[in-house]
Amino acid sequence: MSEIDPLEIPALLLRMVPETAEHIAELYEMPAERAVISEAARYDTFVLLDEEFSRPVVQSELRKAPPDGELTGKCFEFVDVLVRSSNQALSGPVYFQGPGGTPGRGGVPPEAIPFMWEATRKATARMLTSYKNPVPDALLR
């Protein structure tokens, strides 16, 4: 597993999923390239992941029929990078912002599963199990 500095996540998000730029710029009222290196963004990591990544980008794409496979793939590649991090303070909470569901309440959207990378599928299955929620068969493939 690789070590990711949580302070680098905003810039990593913008690099891996440039489609988040508009949302990031609106949130921080400055160009996204400046915002992701600002102190505010660097210390708002989980707010950024929820308000500027998961809800406006991931969840809105997953509601489309069909979702944009390229964009959704980039989003879940980013999630997988975070999930594989050796930093447990980072890899644990990312489930709640990244996949767009709340495993603690049994909510992993089925439409997200095909886009999940291997580490994310495995980690999500483990989390669902730990909360004593059923694990969809598709997560086990």
C-alpha atoms as a PDB file:
ATOM      1  CA  MET A   1       0.000   0.000   0.000  1.00  0.00           C
ATOM      2  CA  SER A   2       1.152   3.530  -0.640  1.00  0.00           C
ATOM      3  CA  GLU A   3       1.183   6.377   1.813  1.00  0.00           C
ATOM      4  CA  ILE A   4      -0.912   9.359   0.795  1.00  0.00           C
ATOM      5  CA  ASP A   5      -0.686  12.607   2.654  1.00  0.00           C
ATOM      6  CA  PRO A   6      -4.291  13.721   3.279  1.00  0.00           C
ATOM      7  CA  LEU A   7      -3.195  17.294   2.577  1.00  0.00           C
ATOM      8  CA  GLU A   8      -2.415  16.267  -1.011  1.00  0.00           C
ATOM      9  CA  ILE A   9      -5.881  14.833  -1.724  1.00  0.00           C
ATOM     10  CA  PRO A  10      -7.464  18.011  -3.156  1.00  0.00           C
ATOM     11  CA  ALA A  11      -4.705  18.357  -5.772  1.00  0.00           C
ATOM     12  CA  LEU A  12      -4.811  14.616  -6.488  1.00  0.00           C
ATOM     13  CA  LEU A  13      -8.586  14.806  -6.982  1.00  0.00           C
ATOM     14  CA  LEU A  14      -8.282  17.653  -9.473  1.00  0.00           C
ATOM     15  CA  ARG A  15      -5.472  15.858 -11.345  1.00  0.00           C
ATOM     16  CA  MET A  16      -7.300  12.527 -11.565  1.00  0.00           C
ATOM     17  CA  VAL A  17     -10.836  13.887 -12.083  1.00  0.00           C
ATOM     18  CA  PRO A  18     -10.509  17.294 -13.773  1.00  0.00           C
ATOM     19  CA  GLU A  19     -14.307  17.389 -14.126  1.00  0.00           C
ATOM     20  CA  THR A  20     -14.404  18.458 -10.451  1.00  0.00           C
ATOM     21  CA  ALA A  21     -12.727  21.801 -11.269  1.00  0.00           C
ATOM     22  CA  GLU A  22     -15.950  23.795 -11.604  1.00  0.00           C
ATOM     23  CA  HIS A  23     -17.344  22.504  -8.310  1.00  0.00           C
ATOM     24  CA  ILE A  24     -14.067  23.137  -6.491  1.00  0.00           C
ATOM     25  CA  ALA A  25     -13.799  26.672  -7.903  1.00  0.00           C
ATOM     26  CA  GLU A  26     -17.347  27.465  -6.791  1.00  0.00           C
ATOM     27  CA  LEU A  27     -16.809  26.120  -3.279  1.00  0.00           C
ATOM     28  CA  TYR A  28     -13.596  28.054  -2.666  1.00  0.00           C
ATOM     29  CA  GLU A  29     -14.433  31.076  -4.851  1.00  0.00           C
ATOM     30  CA  MET A  30     -11.140  30.894  -6.731  1.00  0.00           C
ATOM     31  CA  PRO A  31      -9.738  28.953  -9.678  1.00  0.00           C
ATOM     32  CA  ALA A  32      -9.620  25.234  -8.886  1.00  0.00           C
ATOM     33  CA  GLU A  33      -5.863  25.043  -9.475  1.00  0.00           C
ATOM     34  CA  ARG A  34      -5.311  27.604  -6.696  1.00  0.00           C
ATOM     35  CA  ALA A  35      -8.074  26.257  -4.484  1.00  0.00           C
ATOM     36  CA  VAL A  36      -6.651  22.727  -4.222  1.00  0.00           C
ATOM     37  CA  ILE A  37      -3.386  24.038  -2.834  1.00  0.00           C
ATOM     38  CA  SER A  38      -5.065  26.503  -0.488  1.00  0.00           C
ATOM     39  CA  GLU A  39      -5.037  25.897   3.225  1.00  0.00           C
ATOM     40  CA  ALA A  40      -8.841  25.756   3.298  1.00  0.00           C
ATOM     41  CA  ALA A  41      -9.060  22.886   0.801  1.00  0.00           C
ATOM     42  CA  ARG A  42      -6.154  21.011   2.320  1.00  0.00           C
ATOM     43  CA  TYR A  43      -7.852  20.938   5.723  1.00  0.00           C
ATOM     44  CA  ASP A  44     -11.388  20.354   4.390  1.00  0.00           C
ATOM     45  CA  THR A  45     -10.537  17.049   2.723  1.00  0.00           C
ATOM     46  CA  PHE A  46     -13.673  15.124   3.644  1.00  0.00           C
ATOM     47  CA  VAL A  47     -15.959  18.105   3.034  1.00  0.00           C
ATOM     48  CA  LEU A  48     -14.313  18.445  -0.378  1.00  0.00           C
ATOM     49  CA  LEU A  49     -14.791  14.742  -1.122  1.00  0.00           C
ATOM     50  CA  ASP A  50     -18.459  14.914  -0.189  1.00  0.00           C
ATOM     51  CA  GLU A  51     -19.553  18.321  -1.474  1.00  0.00           C
ATOM     52  CA  GLU A  52     -17.374  18.584  -4.560  1.00  0.00           C
ATOM     53  CA  PHE A  53     -16.793  14.993  -5.595  1.00  0.00           C
ATOM     54  CA  SER A  54     -19.300  12.490  -4.358  1.00  0.00           C
ATOM     55  CA  ARG A  55     -22.576  14.383  -4.498  1.00  0.00           C
ATOM     56  CA  PRO A  56     -22.169  16.585  -7.578  1.00  0.00           C
ATOM     57  CA  VAL A  57     -20.009  14.255  -9.670  1.00  0.00           C
ATOM     58  CA  VAL A  58     -20.191  10.588  -8.624  1.00  0.00           C
ATOM     59  CA  GLN A  59     -23.763  10.421  -7.395  1.00  0.00           C
ATOM     60  CA  SER A  60     -25.165  12.553 -10.212  1.00  0.00           C
ATOM     61  CA  GLU A  61     -23.369  10.370 -12.804  1.00  0.00           C
ATOM     62  CA  LEU A  62     -24.630   7.154 -11.213  1.00  0.00           C
ATOM     63  CA  ARG A  63     -28.214   8.454 -11.500  1.00  0.00           C
ATOM     64  CA  LYS A  64     -27.864   8.836 -15.272  1.00  0.00           C
ATOM     65  CA  ALA A  65     -28.892   6.032 -17.556  1.00  0.00           C
ATOM     66  CA  PRO A  66     -26.295   5.117 -18.621  1.00  0.00           C
ATOM     67  CA  PRO A  67     -23.614   6.939 -16.630  1.00  0.00           C
ATOM     68  CA  ASP A  68     -20.584   8.317 -18.446  1.00  0.00           C
ATOM     69  CA  GLY A  69     -18.261   5.328 -18.178  1.00  0.00           C
ATOM     70  CA  GLU A  70     -15.057   7.325 -18.664  1.00  0.00           C
ATOM     71  CA  LEU A  71     -15.900   9.897 -15.982  1.00  0.00           C
ATOM     72  CA  THR A  72     -17.251   7.311 -13.536  1.00  0.00           C
ATOM     73  CA  GLY A  73     -14.193   5.138 -14.147  1.00  0.00           C
ATOM     74  CA  LYS A  74     -11.874   8.052 -13.300  1.00  0.00           C
ATOM     75  CA  CYS A  75     -13.869   8.730 -10.139  1.00  0.00           C
ATOM     76  CA  PHE A  76     -13.594   5.165  -8.928  1.00  0.00           C
ATOM     77  CA  GLU A  77      -9.921   4.977  -9.850  1.00  0.00           C
ATOM     78  CA  PHE A  78      -9.416   7.970  -7.534  1.00  0.00           C
ATOM     79  CA  VAL A  79     -11.453   6.244  -4.792  1.00  0.00           C
ATOM     80  CA  ASP A  80      -9.369   3.100  -5.200  1.00  0.00           C
ATOM     81  CA  VAL A  81      -6.134   5.063  -4.778  1.00  0.00           C
ATOM     82  CA  LEU A  82      -7.450   6.390  -1.460  1.00  0.00           C
ATOM     83  CA  VAL A  83      -8.774   3.001  -0.347  1.00  0.00           C
ATOM     84  CA  ARG A  84      -5.369   1.410  -0.977  1.00  0.00           C
ATOM     85  CA  SER A  85      -3.643   4.013   1.176  1.00  0.00           C
ATOM     86  CA  SER A  86      -1.838   2.704   4.226  1.00  0.00           C
ATOM     87  CA  ASN A  87      -3.201   5.711   6.136  1.00  0.00           C
ATOM     88  CA  GLN A  88      -6.222   4.215   7.953  1.00  0.00           C
ATOM     89  CA  ALA A  89      -7.496   7.659   8.901  1.00  0.00           C
ATOM     90  CA  LEU A  90      -7.857   8.247   5.167  1.00  0.00           C
ATOM     91  CA  SER A  91      -8.792   4.861   3.749  1.00  0.00           C
ATOM     92  CA  GLY A  92     -11.573   4.176   6.282  1.00  0.00           C
ATOM     93  CA  PRO A  93     -13.700   7.330   5.950  1.00  0.00           C
ATOM     94  CA  VAL A  94     -13.387   7.471   2.161  1.00  0.00           C
ATOM     95  CA  TYR A  95     -16.143   4.844   1.837  1.00  0.00           C
ATOM     96  CA  PHE A  96     -18.651   7.350   3.067  1.00  0.00           C
ATOM     97  CA  GLN A  97     -17.639  10.014   0.546  1.00  0.00           C
ATOM     98  CA  GLY A  98     -16.395   7.987  -2.411  1.00  0.00           C
ATOM     99  CA  PRO A  99     -18.731   5.199  -3.461  1.00  0.00           C
ATOM    100  CA  GLY A 100     -21.729   7.398  -2.763  1.00  0.00           C
ATOM    101  CA  GLY A 101     -23.299   5.175  -0.198  1.00  0.00           C
ATOM    102  CA  THR A 102     -23.229   4.723   3.507  1.00  0.00           C
ATOM    103  CA  PRO A 103     -22.248   1.158   4.358  1.00  0.00           C
ATOM    104  CA  GLY A 104     -23.055   1.804   8.012  1.00  0.00           C
ATOM    105  CA  ARG A 105     -26.663   2.105   6.897  1.00  0.00           C
ATOM    106  CA  GLY A 106     -26.485  -0.568   4.230  1.00  0.00           C
ATOM    107  CA  GLY A 107     -26.452   1.859   1.330  1.00  0.00           C
ATOM    108  CA  VAL A 108     -24.080   0.964  -1.466  1.00  0.00           C
ATOM    109  CA  PRO A 109     -25.762   1.929  -4.721  1.00  0.00           C
ATOM    110  CA  PRO A 110     -25.852  -1.139  -6.985  1.00  0.00           C
ATOM    111  CA  GLU A 111     -25.059   1.039 -10.004  1.00  0.00           C
ATOM    112  CA  ALA A 112     -21.710   1.939  -8.389  1.00  0.00           C
ATOM    113  CA  ILE A 113     -20.478  -1.651  -8.124  1.00  0.00           C
ATOM    114  CA  PRO A 114     -19.513  -2.177 -11.794  1.00  0.00           C
ATOM    115  CA  PHE A 115     -17.259   0.877 -11.613  1.00  0.00           C
ATOM    116  CA  MET A 116     -15.507  -0.086  -8.382  1.00  0.00           C
ATOM    117  CA  TRP A 117     -11.932  -1.240  -8.653  1.00  0.00           C
ATOM    118  CA  GLU A 118     -10.843  -4.418  -6.886  1.00  0.00           C
ATOM    119  CA  ALA A 119      -9.532  -2.858  -3.664  1.00  0.00           C
ATOM    120  CA  THR A 120     -12.661  -0.747  -3.314  1.00  0.00           C
ATOM    121  CA  ARG A 121     -14.980  -3.736  -3.878  1.00  0.00           C
ATOM    122  CA  LYS A 122     -13.121  -5.817  -1.294  1.00  0.00           C
ATOM    123  CA  ALA A 123     -12.956  -3.026   1.260  1.00  0.00           C
ATOM    124  CA  THR A 124     -16.636  -2.189   0.770  1.00  0.00           C
ATOM    125  CA  ALA A 125     -17.599  -5.844   1.232  1.00  0.00           C
ATOM    126  CA  ARG A 126     -15.549  -5.948   4.462  1.00  0.00           C
ATOM    127  CA  MET A 127     -17.188  -2.776   5.723  1.00  0.00           C
ATOM    128  CA  LEU A 128     -20.688  -4.031   4.932  1.00  0.00           C
ATOM    129  CA  THR A 129     -19.891  -7.264   6.747  1.00  0.00           C
ATOM    130  CA  SER A 130     -18.550  -5.385   9.769  1.00  0.00           C
ATOM    131  CA  TYR A 131     -21.852  -3.476   9.977  1.00  0.00           C
ATOM    132  CA  LYS A 132     -23.715  -6.786   9.589  1.00  0.00           C
ATOM    133  CA  ASN A 133     -25.268  -5.676   6.298  1.00  0.00           C
ATOM    134  CA  PRO A 134     -25.802  -8.019   3.369  1.00  0.00           C
ATOM    135  CA  VAL A 135     -23.028  -8.000   0.795  1.00  0.00           C
ATOM    136  CA  PRO A 136     -24.240  -7.883  -2.819  1.00  0.00           C
ATOM    137  CA  ASP A 137     -22.882 -10.794  -4.868  1.00  0.00           C
ATOM    138  CA  ALA A 138     -21.446  -8.322  -7.391  1.00  0.00           C
ATOM    139  CA  LEU A 139     -19.026  -7.021  -4.738  1.00  0.00           C
ATOM    140  CA  LEU A 140     -17.589 -10.496  -4.299  1.00  0.00           C
ATOM    141  CA  ARG A 141     -16.559 -10.954  -7.944  1.00  0.00           C
END
